[in-house]
Amino acid sequence: MEKLDDEIKAEEQAVLIRAIIPMITQLDTDFCRQAAERFMSQASRQEAIAALNPSHPLIKNEILRAKGVALEHLCDYVKKLKRIDELEKQCSGDRETLREIQALFM
């Protein structure tokens, strides 16, 4: 029963992932990486001046840093999705070439 539940859950998750791929691969990853760097830089600057402003909540720095890290991970994910797409196209092309070669000998 547990294996069946896992298979159902896996299929549900796969549907969701396949649904977001077309949108997420349109992200401008260069821009997003720059934004991530700005978040990280801003967090570092605010930490440096926190000694001068003790009322500044440090959690804001954590939020900025977390946003930066999340954007970096998102960009890495998009890069990997695009690589997977390239490999699948290459694999499809290789199969077609093999079929054409086999057809020559039949």
N, C-alpha and C. Protein backbone atom coordinates (compact mmCIF):
# COMPACT_ATOMS: atom_id res chain seq x y z
N MET A 1 0.81 -1.19 0.00
CA MET A 1 0.00 0.00 0.00
C MET A 1 0.87 1.27 0.00
N GLU A 2 1.96 1.24 0.79
CA GLU A 2 2.82 2.41 0.88
C GLU A 2 3.49 2.70 -0.46
N LYS A 3 3.87 1.65 -1.18
CA LYS A 3 4.49 1.84 -2.49
C LYS A 3 3.51 2.50 -3.46
N LEU A 4 2.26 2.09 -3.42
CA LEU A 4 1.23 2.68 -4.27
C LEU A 4 1.03 4.15 -3.91
N ASP A 5 1.00 4.45 -2.61
CA ASP A 5 0.86 5.84 -2.17
C ASP A 5 2.03 6.70 -2.66
N ASP A 6 3.24 6.12 -2.59
CA ASP A 6 4.42 6.84 -3.07
C ASP A 6 4.34 7.10 -4.57
N GLU A 7 3.86 6.12 -5.31
CA GLU A 7 3.74 6.28 -6.76
C GLU A 7 2.70 7.35 -7.10
N ILE A 8 1.60 7.36 -6.38
CA ILE A 8 0.56 8.36 -6.61
C ILE A 8 1.10 9.75 -6.28
N LYS A 9 1.78 9.86 -5.14
CA LYS A 9 2.36 11.14 -4.73
C LYS A 9 3.40 11.60 -5.75
N ALA A 10 4.22 10.68 -6.23
CA ALA A 10 5.25 11.02 -7.22
C ALA A 10 4.61 11.56 -8.50
N GLU A 11 3.55 10.94 -8.94
CA GLU A 11 2.86 11.39 -10.15
C GLU A 11 2.23 12.76 -9.94
N GLU A 12 1.64 12.98 -8.77
CA GLU A 12 1.05 14.29 -8.47
C GLU A 12 2.12 15.38 -8.51
N GLN A 13 3.27 15.08 -7.91
CA GLN A 13 4.35 16.06 -7.89
C GLN A 13 4.92 16.30 -9.29
N ALA A 14 5.01 15.23 -10.08
CA ALA A 14 5.51 15.35 -11.45
C ALA A 14 4.62 16.26 -12.28
N VAL A 15 3.31 16.15 -12.09
CA VAL A 15 2.37 17.02 -12.81
C VAL A 15 2.64 18.48 -12.47
N LEU A 16 2.84 18.77 -11.20
CA LEU A 16 3.11 20.15 -10.77
C LEU A 16 4.43 20.67 -11.35
N ILE A 17 5.44 19.83 -11.29
CA ILE A 17 6.75 20.24 -11.82
C ILE A 17 6.67 20.50 -13.32
N ARG A 18 6.01 19.59 -14.04
CA ARG A 18 5.87 19.78 -15.50
C ARG A 18 5.09 21.05 -15.81
N ALA A 19 4.18 21.43 -14.94
CA ALA A 19 3.37 22.64 -15.16
C ALA A 19 4.19 23.92 -15.02
N ILE A 20 5.18 23.93 -14.13
CA ILE A 20 5.95 25.16 -13.92
C ILE A 20 7.14 25.29 -14.86
N ILE A 21 7.57 24.20 -15.46
CA ILE A 21 8.77 24.25 -16.31
C ILE A 21 8.65 25.28 -17.44
N PRO A 22 7.55 25.33 -18.19
CA PRO A 22 7.50 26.32 -19.28
C PRO A 22 7.64 27.77 -18.80
N MET A 23 7.10 28.06 -17.63
CA MET A 23 7.19 29.43 -17.11
C MET A 23 8.58 29.72 -16.55
N ILE A 24 9.10 28.79 -15.80
CA ILE A 24 10.35 29.03 -15.09
C ILE A 24 11.54 29.12 -16.05
N THR A 25 11.48 28.41 -17.17
CA THR A 25 12.60 28.46 -18.11
C THR A 25 12.66 29.78 -18.88
N GLN A 26 11.65 30.61 -18.72
CA GLN A 26 11.65 31.93 -19.37
C GLN A 26 12.33 32.99 -18.50
N LEU A 27 12.73 32.63 -17.30
CA LEU A 27 13.39 33.58 -16.41
C LEU A 27 14.69 34.09 -17.03
N ASP A 28 14.97 35.35 -16.83
CA ASP A 28 16.25 35.93 -17.23
C ASP A 28 17.22 35.63 -16.09
N THR A 29 17.97 34.55 -16.22
CA THR A 29 18.83 34.11 -15.13
C THR A 29 19.96 35.08 -14.84
N ASP A 30 20.45 35.78 -15.87
CA ASP A 30 21.50 36.77 -15.62
C ASP A 30 20.97 37.88 -14.70
N PHE A 31 19.78 38.37 -15.01
CA PHE A 31 19.16 39.41 -14.17
C PHE A 31 18.92 38.88 -12.76
N CYS A 32 18.41 37.66 -12.66
CA CYS A 32 18.11 37.07 -11.34
C CYS A 32 19.38 36.88 -10.53
N ARG A 33 20.47 36.49 -11.18
CA ARG A 33 21.74 36.34 -10.45
C ARG A 33 22.24 37.70 -9.95
N GLN A 34 22.07 38.73 -10.76
CA GLN A 34 22.46 40.08 -10.32
C GLN A 34 21.60 40.51 -9.12
N ALA A 35 20.32 40.21 -9.18
CA ALA A 35 19.43 40.54 -8.06
C ALA A 35 19.87 39.78 -6.80
N ALA A 36 20.24 38.53 -6.97
CA ALA A 36 20.71 37.73 -5.83
C ALA A 36 21.95 38.37 -5.21
N GLU A 37 22.87 38.80 -6.06
CA GLU A 37 24.08 39.46 -5.56
C GLU A 37 23.73 40.75 -4.81
N ARG A 38 22.75 41.49 -5.33
CA ARG A 38 22.34 42.73 -4.66
C ARG A 38 21.73 42.44 -3.29
N PHE A 39 20.92 41.39 -3.21
CA PHE A 39 20.34 41.02 -1.91
C PHE A 39 21.46 40.68 -0.91
N MET A 40 22.43 39.89 -1.36
CA MET A 40 23.52 39.47 -0.47
C MET A 40 24.37 40.67 -0.05
N SER A 41 24.63 41.54 -1.01
CA SER A 41 25.43 42.73 -0.73
C SER A 41 24.71 43.65 0.26
N GLN A 42 23.43 43.83 0.04
CA GLN A 42 22.64 44.68 0.94
C GLN A 42 22.63 44.10 2.35
N ALA A 43 22.50 42.79 2.45
CA ALA A 43 22.50 42.14 3.77
C ALA A 43 23.84 42.36 4.47
N SER A 44 24.93 42.24 3.72
CA SER A 44 26.26 42.44 4.30
C SER A 44 26.46 43.88 4.76
N ARG A 45 26.02 44.83 3.93
CA ARG A 45 26.15 46.25 4.30
C ARG A 45 25.35 46.55 5.57
N GLN A 46 24.15 46.02 5.62
CA GLN A 46 23.30 46.29 6.79
C GLN A 46 23.87 45.65 8.05
N GLU A 47 24.50 44.49 7.90
CA GLU A 47 25.14 43.87 9.07
C GLU A 47 26.30 44.73 9.56
N ALA A 48 27.04 45.29 8.59
CA ALA A 48 28.20 46.10 8.95
C ALA A 48 27.79 47.36 9.72
N ILE A 49 26.66 47.93 9.36
CA ILE A 49 26.24 49.17 10.05
C ILE A 49 25.28 48.90 11.21
N ALA A 50 25.00 47.64 11.47
CA ALA A 50 24.07 47.30 12.56
C ALA A 50 24.59 47.78 13.91
N ALA A 51 25.91 47.84 14.05
CA ALA A 51 26.48 48.30 15.32
C ALA A 51 26.11 49.76 15.58
N LEU A 52 25.94 50.51 14.49
CA LEU A 52 25.58 51.93 14.63
C LEU A 52 24.09 52.13 14.84
N ASN A 53 23.31 51.13 14.49
CA ASN A 53 21.85 51.24 14.60
C ASN A 53 21.32 49.98 15.29
N PRO A 54 21.42 49.92 16.60
CA PRO A 54 21.00 48.72 17.32
C PRO A 54 19.51 48.40 17.19
N SER A 55 18.72 49.37 16.75
CA SER A 55 17.29 49.10 16.62
C SER A 55 16.95 48.38 15.31
N HIS A 56 17.94 48.26 14.41
CA HIS A 56 17.68 47.56 13.14
C HIS A 56 17.54 46.06 13.42
N PRO A 57 16.40 45.49 13.05
CA PRO A 57 16.21 44.05 13.30
C PRO A 57 17.10 43.20 12.39
N LEU A 58 17.91 42.36 13.01
CA LEU A 58 18.84 41.52 12.25
C LEU A 58 18.12 40.51 11.36
N ILE A 59 16.88 40.22 11.69
CA ILE A 59 16.14 39.25 10.88
C ILE A 59 15.96 39.76 9.45
N LYS A 60 15.96 41.08 9.27
CA LYS A 60 15.84 41.63 7.92
C LYS A 60 17.05 41.23 7.07
N ASN A 61 18.23 41.18 7.69
CA ASN A 61 19.43 40.74 6.98
C ASN A 61 19.30 39.27 6.58
N GLU A 62 18.77 38.49 7.50
CA GLU A 62 18.57 37.06 7.20
C GLU A 62 17.59 36.88 6.04
N ILE A 63 16.55 37.70 6.02
CA ILE A 63 15.56 37.63 4.94
C ILE A 63 16.22 37.97 3.61
N LEU A 64 17.00 39.04 3.58
CA LEU A 64 17.68 39.44 2.34
C LEU A 64 18.63 38.33 1.86
N ARG A 65 19.38 37.78 2.80
CA ARG A 65 20.33 36.72 2.44
C ARG A 65 19.57 35.48 1.93
N ALA A 66 18.48 35.14 2.57
CA ALA A 66 17.68 33.98 2.15
C ALA A 66 17.10 34.20 0.75
N LYS A 67 16.67 35.42 0.46
CA LYS A 67 16.16 35.73 -0.88
C LYS A 67 17.27 35.57 -1.92
N GLY A 68 18.46 36.04 -1.58
CA GLY A 68 19.59 35.91 -2.50
C GLY A 68 19.93 34.46 -2.78
N VAL A 69 19.98 33.67 -1.73
CA VAL A 69 20.28 32.24 -1.89
C VAL A 69 19.19 31.55 -2.70
N ALA A 70 17.94 31.88 -2.42
CA ALA A 70 16.82 31.27 -3.15
C ALA A 70 16.91 31.60 -4.64
N LEU A 71 17.22 32.84 -4.97
CA LEU A 71 17.35 33.22 -6.38
C LEU A 71 18.51 32.48 -7.05
N GLU A 72 19.62 32.33 -6.33
CA GLU A 72 20.75 31.57 -6.88
C GLU A 72 20.34 30.13 -7.18
N HIS A 73 19.64 29.51 -6.24
CA HIS A 73 19.19 28.13 -6.44
C HIS A 73 18.21 28.04 -7.61
N LEU A 74 17.33 29.01 -7.71
CA LEU A 74 16.37 29.03 -8.81
C LEU A 74 17.09 29.12 -10.15
N CYS A 75 18.09 29.97 -10.23
CA CYS A 75 18.87 30.10 -11.47
C CYS A 75 19.59 28.80 -11.80
N ASP A 76 20.15 28.15 -10.79
CA ASP A 76 20.81 26.85 -11.01
C ASP A 76 19.80 25.82 -11.53
N TYR A 77 18.60 25.84 -10.97
CA TYR A 77 17.55 24.90 -11.39
C TYR A 77 17.18 25.14 -12.85
N VAL A 78 17.02 26.41 -13.23
CA VAL A 78 16.68 26.74 -14.61
C VAL A 78 17.79 26.28 -15.55
N LYS A 79 19.03 26.50 -15.15
CA LYS A 79 20.18 26.08 -15.97
C LYS A 79 20.16 24.57 -16.18
N LYS A 80 19.88 23.83 -15.13
CA LYS A 80 19.82 22.37 -15.24
C LYS A 80 18.64 21.92 -16.10
N LEU A 81 17.50 22.59 -15.98
CA LEU A 81 16.34 22.25 -16.81
C LEU A 81 16.66 22.44 -18.29
N LYS A 82 17.35 23.53 -18.60
CA LYS A 82 17.71 23.80 -19.99
C LYS A 82 18.70 22.75 -20.50
N ARG A 83 19.62 22.32 -19.65
CA ARG A 83 20.59 21.28 -20.03
C ARG A 83 19.86 19.96 -20.28
N ILE A 84 18.91 19.63 -19.44
CA ILE A 84 18.12 18.41 -19.63
C ILE A 84 17.39 18.46 -20.96
N ASP A 85 16.81 19.61 -21.29
CA ASP A 85 16.11 19.77 -22.56
C ASP A 85 17.06 19.55 -23.74
N GLU A 86 18.27 20.13 -23.65
CA GLU A 86 19.27 19.94 -24.71
C GLU A 86 19.61 18.46 -24.88
N LEU A 87 19.84 17.78 -23.76
CA LEU A 87 20.20 16.36 -23.81
C LEU A 87 19.07 15.52 -24.39
N GLU A 88 17.82 15.84 -24.01
CA GLU A 88 16.68 15.09 -24.55
C GLU A 88 16.56 15.30 -26.05
N LYS A 89 16.80 16.53 -26.52
CA LYS A 89 16.76 16.79 -27.96
C LYS A 89 17.87 16.03 -28.68
N GLN A 90 19.05 16.01 -28.06
CA GLN A 90 20.17 15.29 -28.64
C GLN A 90 19.87 13.80 -28.71
N CYS A 91 19.30 13.27 -27.64
CA CYS A 91 18.95 11.85 -27.58
C CYS A 91 17.92 11.53 -28.66
N SER A 92 16.94 12.39 -28.82
CA SER A 92 15.90 12.20 -29.83
C SER A 92 16.52 12.22 -31.22
N GLY A 93 17.45 13.15 -31.45
CA GLY A 93 18.13 13.23 -32.74
C GLY A 93 18.97 12.00 -33.01
N ASP A 94 19.63 11.50 -31.97
CA ASP A 94 20.45 10.29 -32.11
C ASP A 94 19.58 9.09 -32.48
N ARG A 95 18.41 8.98 -31.86
CA ARG A 95 17.51 7.87 -32.18
C ARG A 95 17.04 7.95 -33.62
N GLU A 96 16.73 9.16 -34.08
CA GLU A 96 16.28 9.34 -35.46
C GLU A 96 17.39 8.97 -36.44
N THR A 97 18.60 9.37 -36.14
CA THR A 97 19.74 9.01 -36.99
C THR A 97 19.92 7.50 -37.04
N LEU A 98 19.79 6.84 -35.91
CA LEU A 98 19.92 5.38 -35.86
C LEU A 98 18.83 4.72 -36.70
N ARG A 99 17.60 5.22 -36.63
CA ARG A 99 16.51 4.67 -37.45
C ARG A 99 16.81 4.84 -38.94
N GLU A 100 17.35 5.99 -39.31
CA GLU A 100 17.69 6.24 -40.71
C GLU A 100 18.78 5.28 -41.19
N ILE A 101 19.76 5.04 -40.34
CA ILE A 101 20.83 4.11 -40.70
C ILE A 101 20.28 2.70 -40.84
N GLN A 102 19.43 2.30 -39.90
CA GLN A 102 18.84 0.96 -39.97
C GLN A 102 17.99 0.82 -41.22
N ALA A 103 17.30 1.87 -41.62
CA ALA A 103 16.45 1.81 -42.81
C ALA A 103 17.28 1.61 -44.07
N LEU A 104 18.52 2.05 -44.07
CA LEU A 104 19.38 1.86 -45.24
C LEU A 104 19.67 0.38 -45.49
N PHE A 105 19.67 -0.42 -44.47
CA PHE A 105 20.02 -1.83 -44.59
C PHE A 105 18.80 -2.74 -44.67
N MET A 106 17.63 -2.18 -44.73
CA MET A 106 16.43 -3.01 -44.80
C MET A 106 15.84 -2.97 -46.17
